[in-house]
Amino acid sequence: MAFAIKQEKFEGPLAMLLALIEREKLAIAEISLAAVADDYLVYVRGLVSPDPEELAEFLVVAAHLMLIKSRSLLPSLTVPAEEEASLDDLEHRLALLQMMRDASRALRGVEQKGLRIASREAYAGLAPVFYPPPSLGAATLADVFAAVVALIPKPEKLAEEKLKRIVSLEAKISHIRGILQDMVERRFSEIVAGAKEKVDIVVSFLALLELARQKFVDLRQDAHFAEIMIKKI
């Protein structure tokens, strides 16, 4: 016999279906699903402004229920294997939901009693005692601690990159100009006398070429690999 269920918010079609079965005190089976099919459809028709996606979920379950009821009324009705598996899945999902509901109620009851720990009744009232296994000694604890520490990721030392001093061509040109202010002619070896790196010598040579292009100096080399003479024009 169908019964009315008040309109209330359920977290989904399975929760609604399970509520109907529980109120009838029925076991989750194909017979019980057929028995509550009409009440389920009444509930779906009474939904006010349902969310389209939520309504689609309710209609999918409703289609399964109609198929189950049709098969209960027509025993000779054959159902494709795919639909049969889908109906079995519906029963399985309902059973899982009921199991989670029962566990949730049990946990709520524990919480309402104010219980925060679980203990063995035989040890109730006894003072807590730390009793490690006989084989557990200081050496074992040290080994375990060392093994745990070894699992901790160690900071990686990044490769140090030496930052070389940037030698500016403009600075070298200015430096050479300043040297030639005191003496009209200089040797290239005198210009690079204080150079600490090859890059200083290279940049100094480029600076001389630039000054020669600007017609600020005249460069002379009497022989291969001979001293380069720099003369201010």
Protein backbone atom coordinates (compact mmCIF):
# COMPACT_ATOMS: atom_id res chain seq x y z
CA MET A 1 0.00 0.00 0.00
CA ALA A 2 1.38 3.37 -0.99
CA PHE A 3 1.96 5.97 1.67
CA ALA A 4 2.50 9.69 1.51
CA ILE A 5 5.80 11.29 2.35
CA LYS A 6 6.11 14.94 3.16
CA GLN A 7 8.13 17.13 0.83
CA GLU A 8 11.54 17.65 2.33
CA LYS A 9 15.01 18.19 1.01
CA PHE A 10 16.97 15.00 0.38
CA GLU A 11 20.61 14.93 -0.64
CA GLY A 12 19.78 12.92 -3.73
CA PRO A 13 17.36 10.44 -5.33
CA LEU A 14 18.96 7.46 -3.59
CA ALA A 15 18.49 9.12 -0.20
CA MET A 16 14.83 9.72 -1.05
CA LEU A 17 14.37 6.12 -2.19
CA LEU A 18 16.08 4.76 0.91
CA ALA A 19 13.84 6.90 3.14
CA LEU A 20 10.78 5.34 1.55
CA ILE A 21 12.12 1.81 2.05
CA GLU A 22 13.08 2.47 5.67
CA ARG A 23 9.66 3.91 6.52
CA GLU A 24 8.02 0.79 5.14
CA LYS A 25 10.55 -1.29 7.09
CA LEU A 26 11.43 -3.22 3.96
CA ALA A 27 14.66 -4.88 3.01
CA ILE A 28 16.49 -3.55 0.00
CA ALA A 29 15.35 -5.89 -2.76
CA GLU A 30 13.57 -5.78 -6.08
CA ILE A 31 10.20 -6.43 -4.41
CA SER A 32 10.58 -3.46 -2.04
CA LEU A 33 11.67 -1.21 -4.89
CA ALA A 34 8.54 -2.09 -6.82
CA ALA A 35 6.41 -1.43 -3.72
CA VAL A 36 7.65 2.13 -3.25
CA ALA A 37 7.78 3.10 -6.93
CA ASP A 38 4.43 4.94 -6.83
CA ASP A 39 5.37 6.94 -3.73
CA TYR A 40 8.67 7.88 -5.33
CA LEU A 41 6.90 9.18 -8.44
CA VAL A 42 4.49 11.19 -6.27
CA TYR A 43 7.46 12.80 -4.57
CA VAL A 44 9.12 13.65 -7.90
CA ARG A 45 5.92 15.21 -9.26
CA GLY A 46 5.67 17.36 -6.14
CA LEU A 47 9.13 18.88 -6.46
CA VAL A 48 8.89 22.66 -6.62
CA SER A 49 11.37 24.40 -8.94
CA PRO A 50 13.89 21.56 -8.88
CA ASP A 51 17.41 22.00 -10.19
CA PRO A 52 17.56 20.57 -13.76
CA GLU A 53 20.60 18.40 -13.01
CA GLU A 54 19.06 17.16 -9.76
CA LEU A 55 15.76 16.45 -11.51
CA ALA A 56 17.60 14.41 -14.15
CA GLU A 57 19.06 12.20 -11.40
CA PHE A 58 15.61 11.68 -9.89
CA LEU A 59 14.17 10.77 -13.31
CA VAL A 60 16.91 8.21 -13.97
CA VAL A 61 16.05 6.44 -10.71
CA ALA A 62 12.33 6.77 -11.52
CA ALA A 63 12.92 5.01 -14.87
CA HIS A 64 14.62 2.14 -13.06
CA LEU A 65 11.73 1.87 -10.60
CA MET A 66 9.16 1.79 -13.40
CA LEU A 67 11.08 -1.01 -15.08
CA ILE A 68 11.22 -2.96 -11.81
CA LYS A 69 7.48 -2.47 -11.22
CA SER A 70 6.66 -3.49 -14.79
CA ARG A 71 8.62 -6.67 -14.37
CA SER A 72 6.84 -7.44 -11.07
CA LEU A 73 3.47 -7.06 -12.80
CA LEU A 74 4.56 -8.93 -15.92
CA PRO A 75 6.79 -11.85 -14.87
CA SER A 76 7.28 -12.83 -18.50
CA LEU A 77 8.86 -9.44 -19.31
CA THR A 78 12.45 -9.89 -20.49
CA VAL A 79 15.04 -7.23 -19.68
CA PRO A 80 18.27 -6.72 -21.63
CA ALA A 81 21.46 -7.73 -19.86
CA GLU A 82 22.61 -4.10 -19.70
CA GLU A 83 19.40 -3.04 -17.94
CA GLU A 84 19.63 -6.03 -15.62
CA ALA A 85 23.12 -4.96 -14.55
CA SER A 86 21.87 -1.42 -14.05
CA LEU A 87 19.08 -2.63 -11.72
CA ASP A 88 21.54 -4.73 -9.72
CA ASP A 89 23.76 -1.67 -9.42
CA LEU A 90 20.84 0.35 -8.04
CA GLU A 91 20.29 -2.23 -5.29
CA HIS A 92 24.02 -2.27 -4.51
CA ARG A 93 24.22 1.52 -4.25
CA LEU A 94 21.20 1.59 -1.97
CA ALA A 95 22.78 -1.03 0.28
CA LEU A 96 26.00 0.99 0.50
CA LEU A 97 24.05 4.15 1.30
CA GLN A 98 22.14 2.35 4.05
CA MET A 99 25.39 1.02 5.51
CA MET A 100 26.86 4.54 5.59
CA ARG A 101 23.66 5.90 7.12
CA ASP A 102 23.79 3.29 9.90
CA ALA A 103 27.46 4.06 10.58
CA SER A 104 26.69 7.78 10.64
CA ARG A 105 23.90 7.29 13.18
CA ALA A 106 26.19 5.17 15.37
CA LEU A 107 28.92 7.81 15.29
CA ARG A 108 26.37 10.53 16.06
CA GLY A 109 25.22 8.56 19.08
CA VAL A 110 28.81 8.25 20.33
CA GLU A 111 29.34 11.98 19.83
CA GLN A 112 26.14 12.87 21.70
CA LYS A 113 27.28 10.79 24.67
CA GLY A 114 30.45 12.84 24.82
CA LEU A 115 32.70 9.85 24.21
CA ARG A 116 35.96 10.84 22.60
CA ILE A 117 38.01 7.67 23.02
CA ALA A 118 37.42 3.95 22.74
CA SER A 119 38.91 1.66 25.38
CA ARG A 120 38.73 -1.91 26.57
CA GLU A 121 36.30 -2.32 29.43
CA ALA A 122 38.64 -4.78 31.19
CA TYR A 123 41.18 -1.99 31.69
CA ALA A 124 38.70 0.63 32.89
CA GLY A 125 39.97 2.47 35.95
CA LEU A 126 43.56 1.27 35.62
CA ALA A 127 46.41 3.75 35.36
CA PRO A 128 48.00 3.87 31.91
CA VAL A 129 51.31 2.03 31.70
CA PHE A 130 53.86 2.15 28.90
CA TYR A 131 54.86 -1.44 28.24
CA PRO A 132 57.04 -1.79 25.14
CA PRO A 133 57.88 -5.20 23.66
CA PRO A 134 60.79 -6.96 25.40
CA SER A 135 62.86 -6.87 22.20
CA LEU A 136 62.55 -3.09 21.95
CA GLY A 137 65.66 -1.49 23.39
CA ALA A 138 67.54 1.77 23.12
CA ALA A 139 69.63 0.51 20.21
CA THR A 140 66.52 -0.48 18.25
CA LEU A 141 64.90 2.88 18.92
CA ALA A 142 68.09 4.64 17.80
CA ASP A 143 68.15 2.63 14.56
CA VAL A 144 64.50 3.36 13.87
CA PHE A 145 65.00 7.05 14.59
CA ALA A 146 68.03 7.17 12.29
CA ALA A 147 66.06 5.43 9.54
CA VAL A 148 63.24 7.96 9.85
CA VAL A 149 65.68 10.86 9.78
CA ALA A 150 67.33 9.38 6.69
CA LEU A 151 63.98 9.52 4.88
CA ILE A 152 63.72 13.27 5.41
CA PRO A 153 64.69 15.06 2.17
CA LYS A 154 68.02 16.80 2.61
CA PRO A 155 68.57 20.34 1.31
CA GLU A 156 70.39 20.27 -1.97
CA LYS A 157 73.39 22.51 -2.31
CA LEU A 158 73.06 24.41 -5.52
CA ALA A 159 76.13 24.74 -7.66
CA GLU A 160 77.87 28.00 -6.95
CA GLU A 161 78.11 30.21 -9.98
CA LYS A 162 80.94 32.68 -9.95
CA LEU A 163 79.79 36.10 -11.02
CA LYS A 164 82.45 37.70 -13.17
CA ARG A 165 82.95 41.41 -13.05
CA ILE A 166 81.30 43.06 -15.99
CA VAL A 167 83.81 45.17 -17.89
CA SER A 168 82.15 48.02 -19.75
CA LEU A 169 83.56 49.08 -23.11
CA GLU A 170 82.52 52.65 -22.43
CA ALA A 171 84.36 52.59 -19.09
CA LYS A 172 87.52 51.32 -20.78
CA ILE A 173 87.36 54.02 -23.44
CA SER A 174 87.02 56.65 -20.73
CA HIS A 175 89.91 55.08 -18.80
CA ILE A 176 92.23 55.11 -21.81
CA ARG A 177 91.31 58.72 -22.60
CA GLY A 178 92.28 59.64 -19.07
CA ILE A 179 95.66 57.88 -19.35
CA LEU A 180 96.48 59.67 -22.63
CA GLN A 181 95.74 63.04 -21.08
CA ASP A 182 99.01 62.84 -19.08
CA MET A 183 101.18 61.40 -21.84
CA VAL A 184 100.65 61.64 -25.57
CA GLU A 185 102.07 58.20 -26.35
CA ARG A 186 101.70 54.96 -24.40
CA ARG A 187 102.38 51.27 -24.85
CA PHE A 188 99.49 48.84 -24.88
CA SER A 189 101.21 46.87 -22.10
CA GLU A 190 101.00 49.98 -19.92
CA ILE A 191 97.28 50.31 -20.59
CA VAL A 192 96.60 46.72 -19.44
CA ALA A 193 99.24 46.57 -16.73
CA GLY A 194 96.70 46.22 -13.93
CA ALA A 195 94.45 43.71 -15.73
CA LYS A 196 93.54 40.69 -13.59
CA GLU A 197 91.58 38.76 -16.19
CA LYS A 198 91.79 38.16 -19.91
CA VAL A 199 88.49 39.89 -20.42
CA ASP A 200 90.08 43.17 -19.29
CA ILE A 201 92.74 42.86 -21.97
CA VAL A 202 90.22 42.00 -24.68
CA VAL A 203 87.92 44.89 -23.78
CA SER A 204 90.90 47.26 -23.61
CA PHE A 205 91.92 46.22 -27.14
CA LEU A 206 88.36 46.78 -28.39
CA ALA A 207 88.34 50.16 -26.72
CA LEU A 208 91.55 51.09 -28.59
CA LEU A 209 90.01 50.06 -31.90
CA GLU A 210 86.99 52.21 -31.16
CA LEU A 211 89.18 55.19 -30.26
CA ALA A 212 91.13 54.67 -33.49
CA ARG A 213 87.88 54.64 -35.43
CA GLN A 214 86.94 57.90 -33.75
CA LYS A 215 90.38 59.26 -34.81
CA PHE A 216 91.26 59.97 -31.17
CA VAL A 217 94.40 57.80 -31.26
CA ASP A 218 96.85 56.42 -33.79
CA LEU A 219 97.97 52.79 -33.40
CA ARG A 220 101.35 51.50 -34.57
CA GLN A 221 102.99 48.05 -34.46
CA ASP A 222 106.43 47.79 -36.03
CA ALA A 223 106.53 43.98 -36.30
CA HIS A 224 104.45 40.87 -35.70
CA PHE A 225 103.78 40.40 -31.98
CA ALA A 226 105.64 43.62 -31.24
CA GLU A 227 104.44 46.20 -28.75
CA ILE A 228 101.41 48.21 -29.85
CA MET A 229 102.12 51.92 -29.54
CA ILE A 230 99.20 54.24 -28.84
CA LYS A 231 99.56 57.91 -29.72
CA LYS A 232 96.97 60.58 -29.08
CA ILE A 233 96.10 62.54 -32.21
